[in-house]
Amino acid sequence: MKEERKLQITWLKSGIGYRESHKATLRALGFRRLGETLEKPDSPAIRGMLAKVGHLVKWEMV
């Protein structure tokens, strides 16, 4: 059985002052509060979201 890779994503910087689409991407990732850490599966869709808001979050492979 193939083990699924995961990404650990932490929201570090507020979306205030950035485009509404960046804030919407943070919400789509599942973030509710600044400083929150989530685990998401490593997929092209998640990687695309991280590319868009990479200046607001920190991520690493788990």
PDB file of N, CA and C in Angstrom:
ATOM      1  N   MET A   1       0.834  -1.181   0.000  1.00  0.00           N
ATOM      2  CA  MET A   1       0.000   0.000   0.000  1.00  0.00           C
ATOM      3  C   MET A   1       0.880   1.247   0.000  1.00  0.00           C
ATOM      4  N   LYS A   2       0.566   2.169  -0.875  1.00  0.00           N
ATOM      5  CA  LYS A   2       1.355   3.390  -1.004  1.00  0.00           C
ATOM      6  C   LYS A   2       0.977   4.377   0.103  1.00  0.00           C
ATOM      7  N   GLU A   3       1.997   4.887   0.789  1.00  0.00           N
ATOM      8  CA  GLU A   3       1.747   5.858   1.847  1.00  0.00           C
ATOM      9  C   GLU A   3       1.594   7.251   1.240  1.00  0.00           C
ATOM     10  N   GLU A   4       0.549   7.947   1.644  1.00  0.00           N
ATOM     11  CA  GLU A   4       0.273   9.281   1.108  1.00  0.00           C
ATOM     12  C   GLU A   4       1.142  10.316   1.807  1.00  0.00           C
ATOM     13  N   ARG A   5       1.760  11.183   1.005  1.00  0.00           N
ATOM     14  CA  ARG A   5       2.581  12.239   1.579  1.00  0.00           C
ATOM     15  C   ARG A   5       1.684  13.353   2.084  1.00  0.00           C
ATOM     16  N   LYS A   6       2.113  14.001   3.169  1.00  0.00           N
ATOM     17  CA  LYS A   6       1.340  15.079   3.765  1.00  0.00           C
ATOM     18  C   LYS A   6       2.191  16.334   3.861  1.00  0.00           C
ATOM     19  N   LEU A   7       1.506  17.471   3.865  1.00  0.00           N
ATOM     20  CA  LEU A   7       2.148  18.759   4.054  1.00  0.00           C
ATOM     21  C   LEU A   7       1.641  19.364   5.349  1.00  0.00           C
ATOM     22  N   GLN A   8       2.553  19.875   6.154  1.00  0.00           N
ATOM     23  CA  GLN A   8       2.167  20.591   7.370  1.00  0.00           C
ATOM     24  C   GLN A   8       2.265  22.079   7.042  1.00  0.00           C
ATOM     25  N   ILE A   9       1.135  22.783   7.138  1.00  0.00           N
ATOM     26  CA  ILE A   9       1.048  24.179   6.718  1.00  0.00           C
ATOM     27  C   ILE A   9       0.687  25.029   7.925  1.00  0.00           C
ATOM     28  N   THR A  10       1.461  26.103   8.164  1.00  0.00           N
ATOM     29  CA  THR A  10       1.211  27.019   9.269  1.00  0.00           C
ATOM     30  C   THR A  10       0.963  28.407   8.714  1.00  0.00           C
ATOM     31  N   TRP A  11      -0.115  29.035   9.165  1.00  0.00           N
ATOM     32  CA  TRP A  11      -0.469  30.398   8.749  1.00  0.00           C
ATOM     33  C   TRP A  11       0.309  31.366   9.635  1.00  0.00           C
ATOM     34  N   LEU A  12       1.226  32.144   9.037  1.00  0.00           N
ATOM     35  CA  LEU A  12       2.119  33.010   9.790  1.00  0.00           C
ATOM     36  C   LEU A  12       1.788  34.497   9.703  1.00  0.00           C
ATOM     37  N   LYS A  13       1.252  34.944   8.594  1.00  0.00           N
ATOM     38  CA  LYS A  13       1.072  36.373   8.362  1.00  0.00           C
ATOM     39  C   LYS A  13      -0.368  36.663   7.952  1.00  0.00           C
ATOM     40  N   SER A  14      -0.911  37.753   8.472  1.00  0.00           N
ATOM     41  CA  SER A  14      -2.299  38.114   8.198  1.00  0.00           C
ATOM     42  C   SER A  14      -2.516  38.446   6.726  1.00  0.00           C
ATOM     43  N   GLY A  15      -3.736  38.222   6.263  1.00  0.00           N
ATOM     44  CA  GLY A  15      -4.106  38.533   4.887  1.00  0.00           C
ATOM     45  C   GLY A  15      -4.541  39.976   4.692  1.00  0.00           C
ATOM     46  N   ILE A  16      -4.576  40.752   5.770  1.00  0.00           N
ATOM     47  CA  ILE A  16      -4.994  42.152   5.672  1.00  0.00           C
ATOM     48  C   ILE A  16      -4.020  42.901   4.755  1.00  0.00           C
ATOM     49  N   GLY A  17      -4.558  43.630   3.814  1.00  0.00           N
ATOM     50  CA  GLY A  17      -3.726  44.395   2.890  1.00  0.00           C
ATOM     51  C   GLY A  17      -3.400  43.636   1.610  1.00  0.00           C
ATOM     52  N   TYR A  18      -3.821  42.370   1.538  1.00  0.00           N
ATOM     53  CA  TYR A  18      -3.595  41.576   0.339  1.00  0.00           C
ATOM     54  C   TYR A  18      -4.914  41.396  -0.402  1.00  0.00           C
ATOM     55  N   ARG A  19      -4.834  40.913  -1.620  1.00  0.00           N
ATOM     56  CA  ARG A  19      -6.035  40.749  -2.449  1.00  0.00           C
ATOM     57  C   ARG A  19      -7.040  39.801  -1.808  1.00  0.00           C
ATOM     58  N   GLU A  20      -8.293  40.019  -2.146  1.00  0.00           N
ATOM     59  CA  GLU A  20      -9.368  39.174  -1.616  1.00  0.00           C
ATOM     60  C   GLU A  20      -9.179  37.714  -2.036  1.00  0.00           C
ATOM     61  N   SER A  21      -8.591  37.493  -3.204  1.00  0.00           N
ATOM     62  CA  SER A  21      -8.370  36.115  -3.660  1.00  0.00           C
ATOM     63  C   SER A  21      -7.364  35.391  -2.761  1.00  0.00           C
ATOM     64  N   HIS A  22      -6.412  36.121  -2.178  1.00  0.00           N
ATOM     65  CA  HIS A  22      -5.452  35.498  -1.258  1.00  0.00           C
ATOM     66  C   HIS A  22      -6.166  35.092   0.028  1.00  0.00           C
ATOM     67  N   LYS A  23      -7.052  35.952   0.520  1.00  0.00           N
ATOM     68  CA  LYS A  23      -7.821  35.632   1.724  1.00  0.00           C
ATOM     69  C   LYS A  23      -8.737  34.437   1.463  1.00  0.00           C
ATOM     70  N   ALA A  24      -9.333  34.386   0.279  1.00  0.00           N
ATOM     71  CA  ALA A  24     -10.206  33.272  -0.079  1.00  0.00           C
ATOM     72  C   ALA A  24      -9.417  31.965  -0.156  1.00  0.00           C
ATOM     73  N   THR A  25      -8.181  32.034  -0.622  1.00  0.00           N
ATOM     74  CA  THR A  25      -7.335  30.846  -0.700  1.00  0.00           C
ATOM     75  C   THR A  25      -7.007  30.334   0.695  1.00  0.00           C
ATOM     76  N   LEU A  26      -6.736  31.234   1.633  1.00  0.00           N
ATOM     77  CA  LEU A  26      -6.485  30.820   3.022  1.00  0.00           C
ATOM     78  C   LEU A  26      -7.712  30.112   3.590  1.00  0.00           C
ATOM     79  N   ARG A  27      -8.890  30.649   3.326  1.00  0.00           N
ATOM     80  CA  ARG A  27     -10.128  30.018   3.804  1.00  0.00           C
ATOM     81  C   ARG A  27     -10.326  28.657   3.136  1.00  0.00           C
ATOM     82  N   ALA A  28     -10.010  28.566   1.844  1.00  0.00           N
ATOM     83  CA  ALA A  28     -10.171  27.306   1.114  1.00  0.00           C
ATOM     84  C   ALA A  28      -9.220  26.226   1.640  1.00  0.00           C
ATOM     85  N   LEU A  29      -8.065  26.641   2.118  1.00  0.00           N
ATOM     86  CA  LEU A  29      -7.139  25.690   2.724  1.00  0.00           C
ATOM     87  C   LEU A  29      -7.663  25.186   4.063  1.00  0.00           C
ATOM     88  N   GLY A  30      -8.583  25.927   4.677  1.00  0.00           N
ATOM     89  CA  GLY A  30      -9.174  25.491   5.936  1.00  0.00           C
ATOM     90  C   GLY A  30      -8.737  26.291   7.144  1.00  0.00           C
ATOM     91  N   PHE A  31      -7.996  27.367   6.933  1.00  0.00           N
ATOM     92  CA  PHE A  31      -7.527  28.173   8.055  1.00  0.00           C
ATOM     93  C   PHE A  31      -8.647  29.015   8.640  1.00  0.00           C
ATOM     94  N   ARG A  32      -8.634  29.117   9.979  1.00  0.00           N
ATOM     95  CA  ARG A  32      -9.589  29.976  10.679  1.00  0.00           C
ATOM     96  C   ARG A  32      -8.890  31.046  11.492  1.00  0.00           C
ATOM     97  N   ARG A  33      -7.731  30.711  12.070  1.00  0.00           N
ATOM     98  CA  ARG A  33      -7.023  31.641  12.938  1.00  0.00           C
ATOM     99  C   ARG A  33      -5.543  31.740  12.558  1.00  0.00           C
ATOM    100  N   LEU A  34      -4.999  32.918  12.736  1.00  0.00           N
ATOM    101  CA  LEU A  34      -3.578  33.154  12.518  1.00  0.00           C
ATOM    102  C   LEU A  34      -2.784  32.281  13.491  1.00  0.00           C
ATOM    103  N   GLY A  35      -1.736  31.655  13.012  1.00  0.00           N
ATOM    104  CA  GLY A  35      -0.916  30.783  13.844  1.00  0.00           C
ATOM    105  C   GLY A  35      -1.367  29.328  13.829  1.00  0.00           C
ATOM    106  N   GLU A  36      -2.471  29.044  13.166  1.00  0.00           N
ATOM    107  CA  GLU A  36      -3.005  27.689  13.091  1.00  0.00           C
ATOM    108  C   GLU A  36      -2.142  26.824  12.173  1.00  0.00           C
ATOM    109  N   THR A  37      -2.037  25.544  12.519  1.00  0.00           N
ATOM    110  CA  THR A  37      -1.283  24.580  11.713  1.00  0.00           C
ATOM    111  C   THR A  37      -2.230  23.478  11.257  1.00  0.00           C
ATOM    112  N   LEU A  38      -2.167  23.149   9.961  1.00  0.00           N
ATOM    113  CA  LEU A  38      -3.010  22.111   9.373  1.00  0.00           C
ATOM    114  C   LEU A  38      -2.141  21.095   8.654  1.00  0.00           C
ATOM    115  N   GLU A  39      -2.652  19.885   8.517  1.00  0.00           N
ATOM    116  CA  GLU A  39      -2.018  18.864   7.675  1.00  0.00           C
ATOM    117  C   GLU A  39      -2.927  18.604   6.492  1.00  0.00           C
ATOM    118  N   LYS A  40      -2.372  18.692   5.301  1.00  0.00           N
ATOM    119  CA  LYS A  40      -3.122  18.468   4.066  1.00  0.00           C
ATOM    120  C   LYS A  40      -2.371  17.445   3.222  1.00  0.00           C
ATOM    121  N   PRO A  41      -3.097  16.681   2.403  1.00  0.00           N
ATOM    122  CA  PRO A  41      -2.419  15.753   1.488  1.00  0.00           C
ATOM    123  C   PRO A  41      -1.632  16.528   0.429  1.00  0.00           C
ATOM    124  N   ASP A  42      -0.531  15.959   0.012  1.00  0.00           N
ATOM    125  CA  ASP A  42       0.301  16.593  -1.016  1.00  0.00           C
ATOM    126  C   ASP A  42      -0.338  16.331  -2.381  1.00  0.00           C
ATOM    127  N   SER A  43      -0.950  17.369  -2.952  1.00  0.00           N
ATOM    128  CA  SER A  43      -1.595  17.233  -4.260  1.00  0.00           C
ATOM    129  C   SER A  43      -1.300  18.482  -5.089  1.00  0.00           C
ATOM    130  N   PRO A  44      -1.460  18.394  -6.397  1.00  0.00           N
ATOM    131  CA  PRO A  44      -1.229  19.577  -7.240  1.00  0.00           C
ATOM    132  C   PRO A  44      -2.131  20.755  -6.869  1.00  0.00           C
ATOM    133  N   ALA A  45      -3.361  20.482  -6.438  1.00  0.00           N
ATOM    134  CA  ALA A  45      -4.275  21.562  -6.062  1.00  0.00           C
ATOM    135  C   ALA A  45      -3.760  22.304  -4.829  1.00  0.00           C
ATOM    136  N   ILE A  46      -3.322  21.565  -3.823  1.00  0.00           N
ATOM    137  CA  ILE A  46      -2.801  22.185  -2.599  1.00  0.00           C
ATOM    138  C   ILE A  46      -1.507  22.927  -2.901  1.00  0.00           C
ATOM    139  N   ARG A  47      -0.650  22.338  -3.739  1.00  0.00           N
ATOM    140  CA  ARG A  47       0.608  23.003  -4.107  1.00  0.00           C
ATOM    141  C   ARG A  47       0.341  24.323  -4.827  1.00  0.00           C
ATOM    142  N   GLY A  48      -0.688  24.355  -5.672  1.00  0.00           N
ATOM    143  CA  GLY A  48      -1.051  25.588  -6.356  1.00  0.00           C
ATOM    144  C   GLY A  48      -1.515  26.657  -5.389  1.00  0.00           C
ATOM    145  N   MET A  49      -2.304  26.253  -4.391  1.00  0.00           N
ATOM    146  CA  MET A  49      -2.747  27.212  -3.373  1.00  0.00           C
ATOM    147  C   MET A  49      -1.561  27.751  -2.580  1.00  0.00           C
ATOM    148  N   LEU A  50      -0.620  26.874  -2.256  1.00  0.00           N
ATOM    149  CA  LEU A  50       0.561  27.306  -1.510  1.00  0.00           C
ATOM    150  C   LEU A  50       1.420  28.259  -2.336  1.00  0.00           C
ATOM    151  N   ALA A  51       1.460  28.054  -3.637  1.00  0.00           N
ATOM    152  CA  ALA A  51       2.218  28.963  -4.502  1.00  0.00           C
ATOM    153  C   ALA A  51       1.594  30.354  -4.481  1.00  0.00           C
ATOM    154  N   LYS A  52       0.278  30.408  -4.355  1.00  0.00           N
ATOM    155  CA  LYS A  52      -0.427  31.691  -4.362  1.00  0.00           C
ATOM    156  C   LYS A  52      -0.238  32.456  -3.055  1.00  0.00           C
ATOM    157  N   VAL A  53      -0.259  31.756  -1.917  1.00  0.00           N
ATOM    158  CA  VAL A  53      -0.174  32.430  -0.615  1.00  0.00           C
ATOM    159  C   VAL A  53       1.111  32.057   0.137  1.00  0.00           C
ATOM    160  N   GLY A  54       2.139  31.718  -0.607  1.00  0.00           N
ATOM    161  CA  GLY A  54       3.408  31.311  -0.002  1.00  0.00           C
ATOM    162  C   GLY A  54       4.039  32.375   0.878  1.00  0.00           C
ATOM    163  N   HIS A  55       3.706  33.627   0.635  1.00  0.00           N
ATOM    164  CA  HIS A  55       4.257  34.724   1.445  1.00  0.00           C
ATOM    165  C   HIS A  55       3.516  34.872   2.774  1.00  0.00           C
ATOM    166  N   LEU A  56       2.409  34.140   2.965  1.00  0.00           N
ATOM    167  CA  LEU A  56       1.616  34.228   4.195  1.00  0.00           C
ATOM    168  C   LEU A  56       1.718  32.969   5.056  1.00  0.00           C
ATOM    169  N   VAL A  57       2.224  31.893   4.483  1.00  0.00           N
ATOM    170  CA  VAL A  57       2.275  30.621   5.195  1.00  0.00           C
ATOM    171  C   VAL A  57       3.677  30.014   5.144  1.00  0.00           C
ATOM    172  N   LYS A  58       3.891  29.040   6.029  1.00  0.00           N
ATOM    173  CA  LYS A  58       5.109  28.231   6.028  1.00  0.00           C
ATOM    174  C   LYS A  58       4.650  26.793   5.889  1.00  0.00           C
ATOM    175  N   TRP A  59       5.328  25.998   5.069  1.00  0.00           N
ATOM    176  CA  TRP A  59       4.935  24.605   4.900  1.00  0.00           C
ATOM    177  C   TRP A  59       6.151  23.707   4.840  1.00  0.00           C
ATOM    178  N   GLU A  60       5.930  22.441   5.204  1.00  0.00           N
ATOM    179  CA  GLU A  60       6.989  21.434   5.153  1.00  0.00           C
ATOM    180  C   GLU A  60       6.368  20.058   4.967  1.00  0.00           C
ATOM    181  N   MET A  61       7.160  19.132   4.462  1.00  0.00           N
ATOM    182  CA  MET A  61       6.705  17.765   4.254  1.00  0.00           C
ATOM    183  C   MET A  61       6.680  17.046   5.601  1.00  0.00           C
ATOM    184  N   VAL A  62       5.691  16.180   5.781  1.00  0.00           N
ATOM    185  CA  VAL A  62       5.597  15.398   7.024  1.00  0.00           C
ATOM    186  C   VAL A  62       5.781  13.931   6.672  1.00  0.00           C
TER     187      VAL A  62
END
